[in-house]
Amino acid sequence: MNTLFIIAGAVAFVSAIMTVTRSNAIHALLYMVVSLLSVGMIFYILGAPFAAALEVIIYAGAIMVLFVFVIMMLNINESMSEEKQWIKPTVWTGPAILTFILAAELVYALRQETTGAFRIVMVSPVEVGISLFGEYLIGVELASMLLLAGLVGAYHLAHHIGPAGKREGDES
């Protein structure tokens, strides 16, 4: 189980680094989908199959499709030659290799689980809640403060933009 966790963590790390370093948004999205799939695999290995399914369905599925649609709509006036660059096999090679590693890992984990050699300990939602508001209370509070700071910052940035899309006080 530790080996599977390390492999999934390495795939998540590599794909996250590739997400940040890609200059093309579509390439970055491909690596981000692989990163989210590997996080789902990590959840499954740690005994939270429901969280893994939500990670794959909501983040890797729905939100990434939304991002792809937004990027496609923003490129509506540009030529189709750039979109032909997105379909080249060299673009898909890296994400395909990382996804193949995750798929092989999932098949291995499922096979070991059915034979009984691999034991996943299920964690109930009650145990998660107790640990979040017990020993990890400081982390939860820091995350809530970070989200609140982001909300206040977004409000501050959007508050000064008028109905015409210009900032208040701009003459031009």
C-alpha atoms as a PDB file:
ATOM      1  CA  MET A   1       0.000   0.000   0.000  1.00  0.00           C
ATOM      2  CA  ASN A   2       2.869   2.399   0.719  1.00  0.00           C
ATOM      3  CA  THR A   3       4.297   1.783  -2.742  1.00  0.00           C
ATOM      4  CA  LEU A   4       0.958   2.580  -4.375  1.00  0.00           C
ATOM      5  CA  PHE A   5       0.687   5.758  -2.322  1.00  0.00           C
ATOM      6  CA  ILE A   6       4.219   6.850  -3.287  1.00  0.00           C
ATOM      7  CA  ILE A   7       3.567   6.195  -6.986  1.00  0.00           C
ATOM      8  CA  ALA A   8       0.267   8.112  -6.941  1.00  0.00           C
ATOM      9  CA  GLY A   9       1.934  10.944  -5.010  1.00  0.00           C
ATOM     10  CA  ALA A  10       4.791  11.091  -7.510  1.00  0.00           C
ATOM     11  CA  VAL A  11       2.336  11.236 -10.418  1.00  0.00           C
ATOM     12  CA  ALA A  12       0.411  14.004  -8.632  1.00  0.00           C
ATOM     13  CA  PHE A  13       3.629  15.945  -8.013  1.00  0.00           C
ATOM     14  CA  VAL A  14       4.939  15.614 -11.581  1.00  0.00           C
ATOM     15  CA  SER A  15       1.608  16.516 -13.134  1.00  0.00           C
ATOM     16  CA  ALA A  16       1.161  19.499 -10.788  1.00  0.00           C
ATOM     17  CA  ILE A  17       4.613  20.799 -11.729  1.00  0.00           C
ATOM     18  CA  MET A  18       3.781  20.317 -15.411  1.00  0.00           C
ATOM     19  CA  THR A  19       0.478  22.162 -14.879  1.00  0.00           C
ATOM     20  CA  VAL A  20       2.248  25.211 -13.518  1.00  0.00           C
ATOM     21  CA  THR A  21       5.062  25.257 -16.066  1.00  0.00           C
ATOM     22  CA  ARG A  22       3.048  24.856 -19.309  1.00  0.00           C
ATOM     23  CA  SER A  23       2.590  28.039 -21.331  1.00  0.00           C
ATOM     24  CA  ASN A  24      -0.406  26.728 -23.281  1.00  0.00           C
ATOM     25  CA  ALA A  25      -3.609  26.604 -21.228  1.00  0.00           C
ATOM     26  CA  ILE A  26      -4.889  23.394 -22.834  1.00  0.00           C
ATOM     27  CA  HIS A  27      -1.632  21.586 -22.072  1.00  0.00           C
ATOM     28  CA  ALA A  28      -1.831  22.773 -18.484  1.00  0.00           C
ATOM     29  CA  LEU A  29      -5.428  21.556 -18.243  1.00  0.00           C
ATOM     30  CA  LEU A  30      -4.444  18.093 -19.450  1.00  0.00           C
ATOM     31  CA  TYR A  31      -1.831  17.820 -16.731  1.00  0.00           C
ATOM     32  CA  MET A  32      -4.257  19.234 -14.167  1.00  0.00           C
ATOM     33  CA  VAL A  33      -6.782  16.505 -14.990  1.00  0.00           C
ATOM     34  CA  VAL A  34      -4.052  13.903 -14.430  1.00  0.00           C
ATOM     35  CA  SER A  35      -3.170  15.587 -11.146  1.00  0.00           C
ATOM     36  CA  LEU A  36      -6.789  15.448  -9.990  1.00  0.00           C
ATOM     37  CA  LEU A  37      -7.056  11.796 -11.019  1.00  0.00           C
ATOM     38  CA  SER A  38      -3.967  10.964  -8.988  1.00  0.00           C
ATOM     39  CA  VAL A  39      -5.394  12.786  -5.968  1.00  0.00           C
ATOM     40  CA  GLY A  40      -8.507  10.647  -6.384  1.00  0.00           C
ATOM     41  CA  MET A  41      -6.288   7.559  -6.415  1.00  0.00           C
ATOM     42  CA  ILE A  42      -4.621   8.754  -3.213  1.00  0.00           C
ATOM     43  CA  PHE A  43      -8.033   9.147  -1.572  1.00  0.00           C
ATOM     44  CA  TYR A  44      -8.931   5.607  -2.644  1.00  0.00           C
ATOM     45  CA  ILE A  45      -5.699   4.169  -1.266  1.00  0.00           C
ATOM     46  CA  LEU A  46      -6.224   5.976   2.043  1.00  0.00           C
ATOM     47  CA  GLY A  47      -9.648   4.372   2.456  1.00  0.00           C
ATOM     48  CA  ALA A  48     -12.015   7.054   1.209  1.00  0.00           C
ATOM     49  CA  PRO A  49     -13.555   5.682  -2.008  1.00  0.00           C
ATOM     50  CA  PHE A  50     -16.461   8.154  -1.895  1.00  0.00           C
ATOM     51  CA  ALA A  51     -14.066  11.107  -1.732  1.00  0.00           C
ATOM     52  CA  ALA A  52     -12.095   9.546  -4.600  1.00  0.00           C
ATOM     53  CA  ALA A  53     -15.237   9.233  -6.708  1.00  0.00           C
ATOM     54  CA  LEU A  54     -16.211  12.833  -5.956  1.00  0.00           C
ATOM     55  CA  GLU A  55     -12.701  14.013  -6.860  1.00  0.00           C
ATOM     56  CA  VAL A  56     -12.874  12.302 -10.232  1.00  0.00           C
ATOM     57  CA  ILE A  57     -16.485  13.151 -11.085  1.00  0.00           C
ATOM     58  CA  ILE A  58     -16.638  16.744  -9.867  1.00  0.00           C
ATOM     59  CA  TYR A  59     -13.131  18.091 -10.347  1.00  0.00           C
ATOM     60  CA  ALA A  60     -11.559  16.006 -13.096  1.00  0.00           C
ATOM     61  CA  GLY A  61     -14.840  15.706 -14.949  1.00  0.00           C
ATOM     62  CA  ALA A  62     -17.155  18.658 -14.613  1.00  0.00           C
ATOM     63  CA  ILE A  63     -14.885  21.562 -13.685  1.00  0.00           C
ATOM     64  CA  MET A  64     -12.171  20.689 -16.204  1.00  0.00           C
ATOM     65  CA  VAL A  65     -14.746  20.406 -18.987  1.00  0.00           C
ATOM     66  CA  LEU A  66     -16.008  23.848 -17.985  1.00  0.00           C
ATOM     67  CA  PHE A  67     -12.444  25.221 -18.166  1.00  0.00           C
ATOM     68  CA  VAL A  68     -11.958  23.721 -21.619  1.00  0.00           C
ATOM     69  CA  PHE A  69     -15.202  25.315 -22.836  1.00  0.00           C
ATOM     70  CA  VAL A  70     -14.181  28.716 -21.472  1.00  0.00           C
ATOM     71  CA  ILE A  71     -10.771  28.513 -23.143  1.00  0.00           C
ATOM     72  CA  MET A  72     -12.351  27.449 -26.432  1.00  0.00           C
ATOM     73  CA  MET A  73     -14.801  30.361 -26.265  1.00  0.00           C
ATOM     74  CA  LEU A  74     -12.046  32.870 -25.494  1.00  0.00           C
ATOM     75  CA  ASN A  75     -10.175  31.745 -28.629  1.00  0.00           C
ATOM     76  CA  ILE A  76     -13.241  32.204 -30.843  1.00  0.00           C
ATOM     77  CA  ASN A  77     -11.726  34.952 -33.009  1.00  0.00           C
ATOM     78  CA  GLU A  78      -8.312  33.407 -33.451  1.00  0.00           C
ATOM     79  CA  SER A  79      -7.361  31.131 -36.286  1.00  0.00           C
ATOM     80  CA  MET A  80      -7.955  27.394 -36.233  1.00  0.00           C
ATOM     81  CA  SER A  81      -4.245  26.688 -36.732  1.00  0.00           C
ATOM     82  CA  GLU A  82      -3.598  27.084 -33.013  1.00  0.00           C
ATOM     83  CA  GLU A  83      -6.320  24.558 -32.172  1.00  0.00           C
ATOM     84  CA  LYS A  84      -4.705  22.069 -34.559  1.00  0.00           C
ATOM     85  CA  GLN A  85      -1.562  22.344 -32.423  1.00  0.00           C
ATOM     86  CA  TRP A  86      -3.539  21.079 -29.401  1.00  0.00           C
ATOM     87  CA  ILE A  87      -4.315  17.726 -31.035  1.00  0.00           C
ATOM     88  CA  LYS A  88      -0.746  16.753 -31.915  1.00  0.00           C
ATOM     89  CA  PRO A  89       0.368  13.418 -30.425  1.00  0.00           C
ATOM     90  CA  THR A  90       3.323  15.078 -28.674  1.00  0.00           C
ATOM     91  CA  VAL A  91       0.884  17.078 -26.543  1.00  0.00           C
ATOM     92  CA  TRP A  92      -0.911  13.955 -25.302  1.00  0.00           C
ATOM     93  CA  THR A  93       2.154  11.786 -24.659  1.00  0.00           C
ATOM     94  CA  GLY A  94       3.051  13.036 -21.175  1.00  0.00           C
ATOM     95  CA  PRO A  95      -0.475  13.020 -19.743  1.00  0.00           C
ATOM     96  CA  ALA A  96      -1.179   9.662 -21.403  1.00  0.00           C
ATOM     97  CA  ILE A  97       1.879   8.038 -19.801  1.00  0.00           C
ATOM     98  CA  LEU A  98       0.994   9.405 -16.359  1.00  0.00           C
ATOM     99  CA  THR A  99      -2.636   8.302 -16.753  1.00  0.00           C
ATOM    100  CA  PHE A 100      -1.520   4.834 -17.833  1.00  0.00           C
ATOM    101  CA  ILE A 101       0.571   4.566 -14.656  1.00  0.00           C
ATOM    102  CA  LEU A 102      -2.487   5.513 -12.578  1.00  0.00           C
ATOM    103  CA  ALA A 103      -4.712   3.056 -14.452  1.00  0.00           C
ATOM    104  CA  ALA A 104      -2.230   0.222 -13.914  1.00  0.00           C
ATOM    105  CA  GLU A 105      -2.028   1.140 -10.250  1.00  0.00           C
ATOM    106  CA  LEU A 106      -5.822   1.121  -9.927  1.00  0.00           C
ATOM    107  CA  VAL A 107      -6.115  -2.279 -11.626  1.00  0.00           C
ATOM    108  CA  TYR A 108      -3.435  -3.671  -9.305  1.00  0.00           C
ATOM    109  CA  ALA A 109      -5.161  -2.238  -6.220  1.00  0.00           C
ATOM    110  CA  LEU A 110      -8.557  -3.608  -7.248  1.00  0.00           C
ATOM    111  CA  ARG A 111      -7.089  -7.063  -7.959  1.00  0.00           C
ATOM    112  CA  GLN A 112      -5.282  -7.169  -4.634  1.00  0.00           C
ATOM    113  CA  GLU A 113      -8.427  -6.064  -2.839  1.00  0.00           C
ATOM    114  CA  THR A 114     -10.500  -8.922  -4.283  1.00  0.00           C
ATOM    115  CA  THR A 115      -7.881 -11.528  -3.376  1.00  0.00           C
ATOM    116  CA  GLY A 116      -7.606 -10.196   0.168  1.00  0.00           C
ATOM    117  CA  ALA A 117      -3.868  -9.438  -0.022  1.00  0.00           C
ATOM    118  CA  PHE A 118      -4.496  -5.705  -0.053  1.00  0.00           C
ATOM    119  CA  ARG A 119      -6.435  -4.289   2.858  1.00  0.00           C
ATOM    120  CA  ILE A 120      -8.053  -0.867   2.689  1.00  0.00           C
ATOM    121  CA  VAL A 121      -9.309   0.494   5.982  1.00  0.00           C
ATOM    122  CA  MET A 122     -12.519   2.444   5.484  1.00  0.00           C
ATOM    123  CA  VAL A 123     -12.796   5.751   7.303  1.00  0.00           C
ATOM    124  CA  SER A 124     -16.279   6.882   8.283  1.00  0.00           C
ATOM    125  CA  PRO A 125     -17.420  10.505   7.946  1.00  0.00           C
ATOM    126  CA  VAL A 126     -17.805  10.683  11.722  1.00  0.00           C
ATOM    127  CA  GLU A 127     -14.121   9.816  12.187  1.00  0.00           C
ATOM    128  CA  VAL A 128     -13.142  12.455   9.635  1.00  0.00           C
ATOM    129  CA  GLY A 129     -15.234  15.086  11.415  1.00  0.00           C
ATOM    130  CA  ILE A 130     -13.799  14.179  14.807  1.00  0.00           C
ATOM    131  CA  SER A 131     -10.232  14.398  13.526  1.00  0.00           C
ATOM    132  CA  LEU A 132     -10.860  17.655  11.629  1.00  0.00           C
ATOM    133  CA  PHE A 133     -12.285  19.402  14.651  1.00  0.00           C
ATOM    134  CA  GLY A 134      -9.974  17.653  17.086  1.00  0.00           C
ATOM    135  CA  GLU A 135      -6.302  17.322  16.300  1.00  0.00           C
ATOM    136  CA  TYR A 136      -6.460  19.263  13.002  1.00  0.00           C
ATOM    137  CA  LEU A 137      -8.495  22.228  14.261  1.00  0.00           C
ATOM    138  CA  ILE A 138      -5.697  24.755  13.590  1.00  0.00           C
ATOM    139  CA  GLY A 139      -5.439  23.655   9.937  1.00  0.00           C
ATOM    140  CA  VAL A 140      -9.199  23.989   9.448  1.00  0.00           C
ATOM    141  CA  GLU A 141      -9.185  27.467  10.992  1.00  0.00           C
ATOM    142  CA  LEU A 142      -6.225  28.564   8.838  1.00  0.00           C
ATOM    143  CA  ALA A 143      -7.961  27.296   5.706  1.00  0.00           C
ATOM    144  CA  SER A 144     -11.140  29.188   6.650  1.00  0.00           C
ATOM    145  CA  MET A 145      -9.137  32.409   7.175  1.00  0.00           C
ATOM    146  CA  LEU A 146      -7.435  31.938   3.803  1.00  0.00           C
ATOM    147  CA  LEU A 147     -10.802  31.465   2.082  1.00  0.00           C
ATOM    148  CA  LEU A 148     -12.190  34.524   3.849  1.00  0.00           C
ATOM    149  CA  ALA A 149      -9.189  36.605   2.731  1.00  0.00           C
ATOM    150  CA  GLY A 150      -9.753  35.455  -0.857  1.00  0.00           C
ATOM    151  CA  LEU A 151     -13.425  36.367  -0.631  1.00  0.00           C
ATOM    152  CA  VAL A 152     -12.675  39.844   0.730  1.00  0.00           C
ATOM    153  CA  GLY A 153      -9.999  40.364  -1.953  1.00  0.00           C
ATOM    154  CA  ALA A 154     -12.360  39.305  -4.750  1.00  0.00           C
ATOM    155  CA  TYR A 155     -15.058  41.617  -3.411  1.00  0.00           C
ATOM    156  CA  HIS A 156     -12.607  44.498  -3.186  1.00  0.00           C
ATOM    157  CA  LEU A 157     -11.415  43.987  -6.759  1.00  0.00           C
ATOM    158  CA  ALA A 158     -14.926  43.644  -8.186  1.00  0.00           C
ATOM    159  CA  HIS A 159     -16.525  46.381  -6.082  1.00  0.00           C
ATOM    160  CA  HIS A 160     -14.837  49.271  -7.878  1.00  0.00           C
ATOM    161  CA  ILE A 161     -15.801  48.126 -11.380  1.00  0.00           C
ATOM    162  CA  GLY A 162     -18.871  49.926 -12.673  1.00  0.00           C
ATOM    163  CA  PRO A 163     -21.602  48.692 -14.998  1.00  0.00           C
ATOM    164  CA  ALA A 164     -19.656  49.690 -18.141  1.00  0.00           C
ATOM    165  CA  GLY A 165     -16.722  47.505 -17.109  1.00  0.00           C
ATOM    166  CA  LYS A 166     -14.503  50.474 -16.226  1.00  0.00           C
ATOM    167  CA  ARG A 167     -13.048  51.211 -12.827  1.00  0.00           C
ATOM    168  CA  GLU A 168     -14.535  54.104 -10.926  1.00  0.00           C
ATOM    169  CA  GLY A 169     -12.464  57.262 -11.414  1.00  0.00           C
ATOM    170  CA  ASP A 170     -10.971  56.173 -14.770  1.00  0.00           C
ATOM    171  CA  GLU A 171     -11.353  58.898 -17.404  1.00  0.00           C
ATOM    172  CA  SER A 172     -10.312  56.819 -20.412  1.00  0.00           C
END
